[in-house]
Amino acid sequence: MDALMAHGLEGDVIYACGPMPMLRAVKHYAGER
């Protein structure tokens, strides 16, 4: 998520796999947008 923000990347759909803290952050990020 730090890399996503730092590089200013954007997408229309997200696929994620990893530890639970990361997935929580992805869910929050996707929900906000």
Full PDB file with SEQRES, HELIX, SHEET, SSBOND, CRYST1, ORIGX, SCALE, CONECT and MASTER records, all heavy atoms in Angstrom:
SEQRES   1 A   33  MET ASP ALA LEU MET ALA HIS GLY LEU GLU GLY ASP VAL          
SEQRES   2 A   33  ILE TYR ALA CYS GLY PRO MET PRO MET LEU ARG ALA VAL          
SEQRES   3 A   33  LYS HIS TYR ALA GLY GLU ARG                                  
HELIX    1 AA1 ASP A    2  ALA A    6  1                                   5    
HELIX    2 AA2 MET A   20  GLU A   32  1                                  13    
CRYST1    1.000    1.000    1.000  90.00  90.00  90.00 P 1           1          
ORIGX1      1.000000  0.000000  0.000000        0.00000                         
ORIGX2      0.000000  1.000000  0.000000        0.00000                         
ORIGX3      0.000000  0.000000  1.000000        0.00000                         
SCALE1      1.000000  0.000000  0.000000        0.00000                         
SCALE2      0.000000  1.000000  0.000000        0.00000                         
SCALE3      0.000000  0.000000  1.000000        0.00000                         
ATOM      1  N   MET A   1       0.829  -1.195   0.000  1.00  0.00           N  
ATOM      2  CA  MET A   1       0.000   0.000   0.000  1.00  0.00           C  
ATOM      3  C   MET A   1       0.870   1.254   0.000  1.00  0.00           C  
ATOM      4  O   MET A   1       0.519   2.258  -0.628  1.00  0.00           O  
ATOM      5  CB  MET A   1      -0.943  -0.009   1.202  1.00  0.00           C  
ATOM      6  CG  MET A   1      -1.946  -1.162   1.209  1.00  0.00           C  
ATOM      7  SD  MET A   1      -2.897  -1.275  -0.326  1.00  0.00           S  
ATOM      8  CE  MET A   1      -3.799   0.273  -0.292  1.00  0.00           C  
ATOM      9  N   ASP A   2       1.999   1.186   0.686  1.00  0.00           N  
ATOM     10  CA  ASP A   2       2.934   2.306   0.657  1.00  0.00           C  
ATOM     11  C   ASP A   2       3.467   2.514  -0.763  1.00  0.00           C  
ATOM     12  O   ASP A   2       3.592   3.649  -1.237  1.00  0.00           O  
ATOM     13  CB  ASP A   2       4.104   2.052   1.612  1.00  0.00           C  
ATOM     14  CG  ASP A   2       3.677   1.994   3.059  1.00  0.00           C  
ATOM     15  OD1 ASP A   2       2.837   2.827   3.457  1.00  0.00           O  
ATOM     16  OD2 ASP A   2       4.163   1.119   3.798  1.00  0.00           O  
ATOM     17  N   ALA A   3       3.766   1.395  -1.453  1.00  0.00           N  
ATOM     18  CA  ALA A   3       4.256   1.481  -2.834  1.00  0.00           C  
ATOM     19  C   ALA A   3       3.178   2.019  -3.758  1.00  0.00           C  
ATOM     20  O   ALA A   3       3.454   2.831  -4.653  1.00  0.00           O  
ATOM     21  CB  ALA A   3       4.720   0.104  -3.308  1.00  0.00           C  
ATOM     22  N   LEU A   4       1.949   1.598  -3.540  1.00  0.00           N  
ATOM     23  CA  LEU A   4       0.829   2.057  -4.356  1.00  0.00           C  
ATOM     24  C   LEU A   4       0.682   3.573  -4.267  1.00  0.00           C  
ATOM     25  O   LEU A   4       0.530   4.264  -5.283  1.00  0.00           O  
ATOM     26  CB  LEU A   4      -0.455   1.361  -3.882  1.00  0.00           C  
ATOM     27  CG  LEU A   4      -1.752   1.678  -4.632  1.00  0.00           C  
ATOM     28  CD1 LEU A   4      -1.694   1.140  -6.045  1.00  0.00           C  
ATOM     29  CD2 LEU A   4      -2.948   1.092  -3.890  1.00  0.00           C  
ATOM     30  N   MET A   5       0.746   4.071  -3.055  1.00  0.00           N  
ATOM     31  CA  MET A   5       0.609   5.513  -2.840  1.00  0.00           C  
ATOM     32  C   MET A   5       1.816   6.274  -3.368  1.00  0.00           C  
ATOM     33  O   MET A   5       1.678   7.326  -4.017  1.00  0.00           O  
ATOM     34  CB  MET A   5       0.425   5.792  -1.344  1.00  0.00           C  
ATOM     35  CG  MET A   5      -0.806   5.171  -0.741  1.00  0.00           C  
ATOM     36  SD  MET A   5      -2.349   5.797  -1.463  1.00  0.00           S  
ATOM     37  CE  MET A   5      -3.545   5.059  -0.359  1.00  0.00           C  
ATOM     38  N   ALA A   6       3.006   5.754  -3.112  1.00  0.00           N  
ATOM     39  CA  ALA A   6       4.227   6.450  -3.496  1.00  0.00           C  
ATOM     40  C   ALA A   6       4.343   6.618  -5.005  1.00  0.00           C  
ATOM     41  O   ALA A   6       4.832   7.642  -5.495  1.00  0.00           O  
ATOM     42  CB  ALA A   6       5.445   5.700  -2.964  1.00  0.00           C  
ATOM     43  N   HIS A   7       3.882   5.619  -5.753  1.00  0.00           N  
ATOM     44  CA  HIS A   7       3.986   5.671  -7.208  1.00  0.00           C  
ATOM     45  C   HIS A   7       2.742   6.273  -7.861  1.00  0.00           C  
ATOM     46  O   HIS A   7       2.689   6.407  -9.083  1.00  0.00           O  
ATOM     47  CB  HIS A   7       4.235   4.267  -7.768  1.00  0.00           C  
ATOM     48  CG  HIS A   7       5.578   3.698  -7.401  1.00  0.00           C  
ATOM     49  ND1 HIS A   7       6.761   4.198  -7.891  1.00  0.00           N  
ATOM     50  CD2 HIS A   7       5.913   2.669  -6.572  1.00  0.00           C  
ATOM     51  CE1 HIS A   7       7.772   3.503  -7.402  1.00  0.00           C  
ATOM     52  NE2 HIS A   7       7.291   2.574  -6.588  1.00  0.00           N  
ATOM     53  N   GLY A   8       1.744   6.613  -7.070  1.00  0.00           N  
ATOM     54  CA  GLY A   8       0.538   7.227  -7.601  1.00  0.00           C  
ATOM     55  C   GLY A   8      -0.214   6.340  -8.577  1.00  0.00           C  
ATOM     56  O   GLY A   8      -0.788   6.827  -9.556  1.00  0.00           O  
ATOM     57  N   LEU A   9      -0.230   5.051  -8.303  1.00  0.00           N  
ATOM     58  CA  LEU A   9      -0.870   4.100  -9.213  1.00  0.00           C  
ATOM     59  C   LEU A   9      -2.374   4.063  -8.993  1.00  0.00           C  
ATOM     60  O   LEU A   9      -2.860   4.201  -7.868  1.00  0.00           O  
ATOM     61  CB  LEU A   9      -0.280   2.705  -9.007  1.00  0.00           C  
ATOM     62  CG  LEU A   9       1.230   2.600  -9.233  1.00  0.00           C  
ATOM     63  CD1 LEU A   9       1.731   1.219  -8.841  1.00  0.00           C  
ATOM     64  CD2 LEU A   9       1.573   2.895 -10.685  1.00  0.00           C  
ATOM     65  N   GLU A  10      -3.109   3.845 -10.066  1.00  0.00           N  
ATOM     66  CA  GLU A  10      -4.563   3.748  -9.985  1.00  0.00           C  
ATOM     67  C   GLU A  10      -5.042   2.560 -10.811  1.00  0.00           C  
ATOM     68  O   GLU A  10      -4.382   2.131 -11.762  1.00  0.00           O  
ATOM     69  CB  GLU A  10      -5.223   5.026 -10.509  1.00  0.00           C  
ATOM     70  CG  GLU A  10      -4.910   6.271  -9.679  1.00  0.00           C  
ATOM     71  CD  GLU A  10      -5.623   7.497 -10.212  1.00  0.00           C  
ATOM     72  OE1 GLU A  10      -6.216   7.415 -11.312  1.00  0.00           O  
ATOM     73  OE2 GLU A  10      -5.596   8.537  -9.527  1.00  0.00           O  
ATOM     74  N   GLY A  11      -6.189   2.026 -10.430  1.00  0.00           N  
ATOM     75  CA  GLY A  11      -6.756   0.899 -11.155  1.00  0.00           C  
ATOM     76  C   GLY A  11      -8.262   0.885 -11.043  1.00  0.00           C  
ATOM     77  O   GLY A  11      -8.857   1.633 -10.256  1.00  0.00           O  
ATOM     78  N   ASP A  12      -8.884   0.023 -11.843  1.00  0.00           N  
ATOM     79  CA  ASP A  12     -10.344  -0.103 -11.844  1.00  0.00           C  
ATOM     80  C   ASP A  12     -10.812  -1.334 -11.083  1.00  0.00           C  
ATOM     81  O   ASP A  12     -11.991  -1.453 -10.743  1.00  0.00           O  
ATOM     82  CB  ASP A  12     -10.849  -0.186 -13.290  1.00  0.00           C  
ATOM     83  CG  ASP A  12     -10.362   0.974 -14.138  1.00  0.00           C  
ATOM     84  OD1 ASP A  12     -10.564   2.130 -13.719  1.00  0.00           O  
ATOM     85  OD2 ASP A  12      -9.762   0.723 -15.204  1.00  0.00           O  
ATOM     86  N   VAL A  13      -9.894  -2.269 -10.825  1.00  0.00           N  
ATOM     87  CA  VAL A  13     -10.216  -3.484 -10.086  1.00  0.00           C  
ATOM     88  C   VAL A  13      -8.940  -3.962  -9.412  1.00  0.00           C  
ATOM     89  O   VAL A  13      -7.838  -3.781  -9.938  1.00  0.00           O  
ATOM     90  CB  VAL A  13     -10.795  -4.582 -11.023  1.00  0.00           C  
ATOM     91  CG1 VAL A  13      -9.807  -4.940 -12.130  1.00  0.00           C  
ATOM     92  CG2 VAL A  13     -11.202  -5.831 -10.244  1.00  0.00           C  
ATOM     93  N   ILE A  14      -9.095  -4.539  -8.217  1.00  0.00           N  
ATOM     94  CA  ILE A  14      -7.935  -4.974  -7.433  1.00  0.00           C  
ATOM     95  C   ILE A  14      -8.037  -6.468  -7.127  1.00  0.00           C  
ATOM     96  O   ILE A  14      -9.110  -6.982  -6.800  1.00  0.00           O  
ATOM     97  CB  ILE A  14      -7.842  -4.188  -6.112  1.00  0.00           C  
ATOM     98  CG1 ILE A  14      -7.639  -2.691  -6.389  1.00  0.00           C  
ATOM     99  CG2 ILE A  14      -6.711  -4.727  -5.237  1.00  0.00           C  
ATOM    100  CD1 ILE A  14      -7.674  -1.840  -5.136  1.00  0.00           C  
ATOM    101  N   TYR A  15      -6.897  -7.143  -7.238  1.00  0.00           N  
ATOM    102  CA  TYR A  15      -6.773  -8.536  -6.817  1.00  0.00           C  
ATOM    103  C   TYR A  15      -5.651  -8.589  -5.794  1.00  0.00           C  
ATOM    104  O   TYR A  15      -4.564  -8.051  -6.039  1.00  0.00           O  
ATOM    105  CB  TYR A  15      -6.428  -9.440  -7.998  1.00  0.00           C  
ATOM    106  CG  TYR A  15      -7.486  -9.492  -9.074  1.00  0.00           C  
ATOM    107  CD1 TYR A  15      -7.521  -8.529 -10.087  1.00  0.00           C  
ATOM    108  CD2 TYR A  15      -8.452 -10.494  -9.087  1.00  0.00           C  
ATOM    109  CE1 TYR A  15      -8.488  -8.572 -11.083  1.00  0.00           C  
ATOM    110  CE2 TYR A  15      -9.426 -10.549 -10.079  1.00  0.00           C  
ATOM    111  CZ  TYR A  15      -9.435  -9.584 -11.069  1.00  0.00           C  
ATOM    112  OH  TYR A  15     -10.398  -9.631 -12.058  1.00  0.00           O  
ATOM    113  N   ALA A  16      -5.890  -9.230  -4.651  1.00  0.00           N  
ATOM    114  CA  ALA A  16      -4.875  -9.200  -3.600  1.00  0.00           C  
ATOM    115  C   ALA A  16      -4.791 -10.524  -2.860  1.00  0.00           C  
ATOM    116  O   ALA A  16      -5.791 -11.230  -2.675  1.00  0.00           O  
ATOM    117  CB  ALA A  16      -5.175  -8.080  -2.610  1.00  0.00           C  
ATOM    118  N   CYS A  17      -3.576 -10.847  -2.435  1.00  0.00           N  
ATOM    119  CA  CYS A  17      -3.334 -12.025  -1.615  1.00  0.00           C  
ATOM    120  C   CYS A  17      -2.166 -11.718  -0.694  1.00  0.00           C  
ATOM    121  O   CYS A  17      -1.126 -11.209  -1.139  1.00  0.00           O  
ATOM    122  CB  CYS A  17      -3.016 -13.240  -2.489  1.00  0.00           C  
ATOM    123  SG  CYS A  17      -2.789 -14.780  -1.547  1.00  0.00           S  
ATOM    124  N   GLY A  18      -2.338 -11.996   0.594  1.00  0.00           N  
ATOM    125  CA  GLY A  18      -1.279 -11.707   1.539  1.00  0.00           C  
ATOM    126  C   GLY A  18      -1.768 -11.808   2.967  1.00  0.00           C  
ATOM    127  O   GLY A  18      -2.879 -12.296   3.231  1.00  0.00           O  
ATOM    128  N   PRO A  19      -0.979 -11.320   3.911  1.00  0.00           N  
ATOM    129  CA  PRO A  19      -1.369 -11.383   5.320  1.00  0.00           C  
ATOM    130  C   PRO A  19      -2.586 -10.515   5.602  1.00  0.00           C  
ATOM    131  O   PRO A  19      -2.870  -9.562   4.878  1.00  0.00           O  
ATOM    132  CB  PRO A  19      -0.118 -10.875   6.052  1.00  0.00           C  
ATOM    133  CG  PRO A  19       0.625 -10.073   5.038  1.00  0.00           C  
ATOM    134  CD  PRO A  19       0.353 -10.724   3.721  1.00  0.00           C  
ATOM    135  N   MET A  20      -3.283 -10.835   6.668  1.00  0.00           N  
ATOM    136  CA  MET A  20      -4.539 -10.160   6.978  1.00  0.00           C  
ATOM    137  C   MET A  20      -4.422  -8.647   7.135  1.00  0.00           C  
ATOM    138  O   MET A  20      -5.296  -7.911   6.636  1.00  0.00           O  
ATOM    139  CB  MET A  20      -5.165 -10.780   8.225  1.00  0.00           C  
ATOM    140  CG  MET A  20      -6.595 -10.315   8.479  1.00  0.00           C  
ATOM    141  SD  MET A  20      -7.720 -10.659   7.086  1.00  0.00           S  
ATOM    142  CE  MET A  20      -7.872 -12.443   7.225  1.00  0.00           C  
ATOM    143  N   PRO A  21      -3.385  -8.105   7.795  1.00  0.00           N  
ATOM    144  CA  PRO A  21      -3.290  -6.636   7.877  1.00  0.00           C  
ATOM    145  C   PRO A  21      -3.255  -5.979   6.498  1.00  0.00           C  
ATOM    146  O   PRO A  21      -3.847  -4.919   6.298  1.00  0.00           O  
ATOM    147  CB  PRO A  21      -1.984  -6.414   8.644  1.00  0.00           C  
ATOM    148  CG  PRO A  21      -1.820  -7.640   9.467  1.00  0.00           C  
ATOM    149  CD  PRO A  21      -2.338  -8.756   8.606  1.00  0.00           C  
ATOM    150  N   MET A  22      -2.578  -6.607   5.562  1.00  0.00           N  
ATOM    151  CA  MET A  22      -2.527  -6.079   4.201  1.00  0.00           C  
ATOM    152  C   MET A  22      -3.907  -6.129   3.551  1.00  0.00           C  
ATOM    153  O   MET A  22      -4.344  -5.158   2.917  1.00  0.00           O  
ATOM    154  CB  MET A  22      -1.531  -6.886   3.371  1.00  0.00           C  
ATOM    155  CG  MET A  22      -1.491  -6.502   1.902  1.00  0.00           C  
ATOM    156  SD  MET A  22      -0.663  -7.755   0.909  1.00  0.00           S  
ATOM    157  CE  MET A  22      -1.811  -7.851  -0.474  1.00  0.00           C  
ATOM    158  N   LEU A  23      -4.611  -7.233   3.721  1.00  0.00           N  
ATOM    159  CA  LEU A  23      -5.927  -7.368   3.102  1.00  0.00           C  
ATOM    160  C   LEU A  23      -6.925  -6.385   3.701  1.00  0.00           C  
ATOM    161  O   LEU A  23      -7.790  -5.864   2.994  1.00  0.00           O  
ATOM    162  CB  LEU A  23      -6.435  -8.800   3.255  1.00  0.00           C  
ATOM    163  CG  LEU A  23      -5.604  -9.890   2.555  1.00  0.00           C  
ATOM    164  CD1 LEU A  23      -6.260 -11.254   2.744  1.00  0.00           C  
ATOM    165  CD2 LEU A  23      -5.437  -9.586   1.067  1.00  0.00           C  
ATOM    166  N   ARG A  24      -6.813  -6.121   4.987  1.00  0.00           N  
ATOM    167  CA  ARG A  24      -7.676  -5.106   5.613  1.00  0.00           C  
ATOM    168  C   ARG A  24      -7.425  -3.737   4.988  1.00  0.00           C  
ATOM    169  O   ARG A  24      -8.359  -2.985   4.714  1.00  0.00           O  
ATOM    170  CB  ARG A  24      -7.417  -5.041   7.122  1.00  0.00           C  
ATOM    171  CG  ARG A  24      -7.883  -6.267   7.894  1.00  0.00           C  
ATOM    172  CD  ARG A  24      -7.867  -5.993   9.385  1.00  0.00           C  
ATOM    173  NE  ARG A  24      -8.182  -7.187  10.146  1.00  0.00           N  
ATOM    174  CZ  ARG A  24      -7.276  -7.940  10.778  1.00  0.00           C  
ATOM    175  NH1 ARG A  24      -5.993  -7.577  10.744  1.00  0.00           N  
ATOM    176  NH2 ARG A  24      -7.637  -9.009  11.439  1.00  0.00           N  
ATOM    177  N   ALA A  25      -6.143  -3.431   4.764  1.00  0.00           N  
ATOM    178  CA  ALA A  25      -5.795  -2.139   4.160  1.00  0.00           C  
ATOM    179  C   ALA A  25      -6.319  -2.053   2.732  1.00  0.00           C  
ATOM    180  O   ALA A  25      -6.799  -1.002   2.298  1.00  0.00           O  
ATOM    181  CB  ALA A  25      -4.282  -1.947   4.189  1.00  0.00           C  
ATOM    182  N   VAL A  26      -6.231  -3.145   1.988  1.00  0.00           N  
ATOM    183  CA  VAL A  26      -6.735  -3.175   0.617  1.00  0.00           C  
ATOM    184  C   VAL A  26      -8.243  -2.974   0.607  1.00  0.00           C  
ATOM    185  O   VAL A  26      -8.784  -2.206  -0.199  1.00  0.00           O  
ATOM    186  CB  VAL A  26      -6.368  -4.494  -0.088  1.00  0.00           C  
ATOM    187  CG1 VAL A  26      -7.071  -4.599  -1.437  1.00  0.00           C  
ATOM    188  CG2 VAL A  26      -4.855  -4.604  -0.265  1.00  0.00           C  
ATOM    189  N   LYS A  27      -8.929  -3.662   1.516  1.00  0.00           N  
ATOM    190  CA  LYS A  27     -10.391  -3.524   1.586  1.00  0.00           C  
ATOM    191  C   LYS A  27     -10.785  -2.087   1.895  1.00  0.00           C  
ATOM    192  O   LYS A  27     -11.707  -1.535   1.272  1.00  0.00           O  
ATOM    193  CB  LYS A  27     -10.962  -4.466   2.651  1.00  0.00           C  
ATOM    194  CG  LYS A  27     -12.475  -4.327   2.805  1.00  0.00           C  
ATOM    195  CD  LYS A  27     -13.048  -5.253   3.867  1.00  0.00           C  
ATOM    196  CE  LYS A  27     -14.542  -5.008   4.013  1.00  0.00           C  
ATOM    197  NZ  LYS A  27     -15.167  -5.902   5.011  1.00  0.00           N  
ATOM    198  N   HIS A  28     -10.098  -1.467   2.845  1.00  0.00           N  
ATOM    199  CA  HIS A  28     -10.397  -0.083   3.218  1.00  0.00           C  
ATOM    200  C   HIS A  28     -10.143   0.853   2.032  1.00  0.00           C  
ATOM    201  O   HIS A  28     -10.967   1.720   1.721  1.00  0.00           O  
ATOM    202  CB  HIS A  28      -9.534   0.319   4.412  1.00  0.00           C  
ATOM    203  CG  HIS A  28      -9.751   1.726   4.876  1.00  0.00           C  
ATOM    204  ND1 HIS A  28     -10.895   2.121   5.547  1.00  0.00           N  
ATOM    205  CD2 HIS A  28      -8.984   2.838   4.750  1.00  0.00           C  
ATOM    206  CE1 HIS A  28     -10.821   3.411   5.821  1.00  0.00           C  
ATOM    207  NE2 HIS A  28      -9.672   3.867   5.344  1.00  0.00           N  
ATOM    208  N   TYR A  29      -9.014   0.665   1.360  1.00  0.00           N  
ATOM    209  CA  TYR A  29      -8.645   1.493   0.211  1.00  0.00           C  
ATOM    210  C   TYR A  29      -9.689   1.361  -0.897  1.00  0.00           C  
ATOM    211  O   TYR A  29     -10.150   2.359  -1.465  1.00  0.00           O  
ATOM    212  CB  TYR A  29      -7.272   1.060  -0.293  1.00  0.00           C  
ATOM    213  CG  TYR A  29      -6.829   1.709  -1.586  1.00  0.00           C  
ATOM    214  CD1 TYR A  29      -6.121   2.911  -1.573  1.00  0.00           C  
ATOM    215  CD2 TYR A  29      -7.093   1.109  -2.814  1.00  0.00           C  
ATOM    216  CE1 TYR A  29      -5.705   3.509  -2.765  1.00  0.00           C  
ATOM    217  CE2 TYR A  29      -6.684   1.702  -4.003  1.00  0.00           C  
ATOM    218  CZ  TYR A  29      -5.993   2.895  -3.970  1.00  0.00           C  
ATOM    219  OH  TYR A  29      -5.592   3.478  -5.155  1.00  0.00           O  
ATOM    220  N   ALA A  30     -10.071   0.127  -1.218  1.00  0.00           N  
ATOM    221  CA  ALA A  30     -11.042  -0.117  -2.293  1.00  0.00           C  
ATOM    222  C   ALA A  30     -12.418   0.421  -1.936  1.00  0.00           C  
ATOM    223  O   ALA A  30     -13.126   0.985  -2.786  1.00  0.00           O  
ATOM    224  CB  ALA A  30     -11.119  -1.607  -2.596  1.00  0.00           C  
ATOM    225  N   GLY A  31     -12.796   0.276  -0.667  1.00  0.00           N  
ATOM    226  CA  GLY A  31     -14.103   0.759  -0.233  1.00  0.00           C  
ATOM    227  C   GLY A  31     -14.216   2.263  -0.316  1.00  0.00           C  
ATOM    228  O   GLY A  31     -15.254   2.800  -0.722  1.00  0.00           O  
ATOM    229  N   GLU A  32     -13.150   2.961   0.047  1.00  0.00           N  
ATOM    230  CA  GLU A  32     -13.153   4.423  -0.016  1.00  0.00           C  
ATOM    231  C   GLU A  32     -13.304   4.935  -1.445  1.00  0.00           C  
ATOM    232  O   GLU A  32     -13.878   5.987  -1.685  1.00  0.00           O  
ATOM    233  CB  GLU A  32     -11.856   4.981   0.582  1.00  0.00           C  
ATOM    234  CG  GLU A  32     -11.801   4.997   2.092  1.00  0.00           C  
ATOM    235  CD  GLU A  32     -10.586   5.758   2.602  1.00  0.00           C  
ATOM    236  OE1 GLU A  32      -9.567   5.797   1.872  1.00  0.00           O  
ATOM    237  OE2 GLU A  32     -10.663   6.318   3.708  1.00  0.00           O  
ATOM    238  N   ARG A  33     -12.772   4.165  -2.404  1.00  0.00           N  
ATOM    239  CA  ARG A  33     -12.770   4.599  -3.808  1.00  0.00           C  
ATOM    240  C   ARG A  33     -13.823   3.884  -4.648  1.00  0.00           C  
ATOM    241  O   ARG A  33     -13.887   4.090  -5.861  1.00  0.00           O  
ATOM    242  CB  ARG A  33     -11.368   4.376  -4.400  1.00  0.00           C  
ATOM    243  CG  ARG A  33     -10.341   5.306  -3.791  1.00  0.00           C  
ATOM    244  CD  ARG A  33      -8.932   4.781  -3.947  1.00  0.00           C  
ATOM    245  NE  ARG A  33      -7.954   5.729  -3.396  1.00  0.00           N  
ATOM    246  CZ  ARG A  33      -7.713   5.837  -2.088  1.00  0.00           C  
ATOM    247  NH1 ARG A  33      -8.376   5.093  -1.224  1.00  0.00           N  
ATOM    248  NH2 ARG A  33      -6.827   6.709  -1.654  1.00  0.00           N  
TER     249      ARG A  33                                                      
MASTER        0    0    0    2    0    0    0    6  248    1    0    3          
END                                                                             
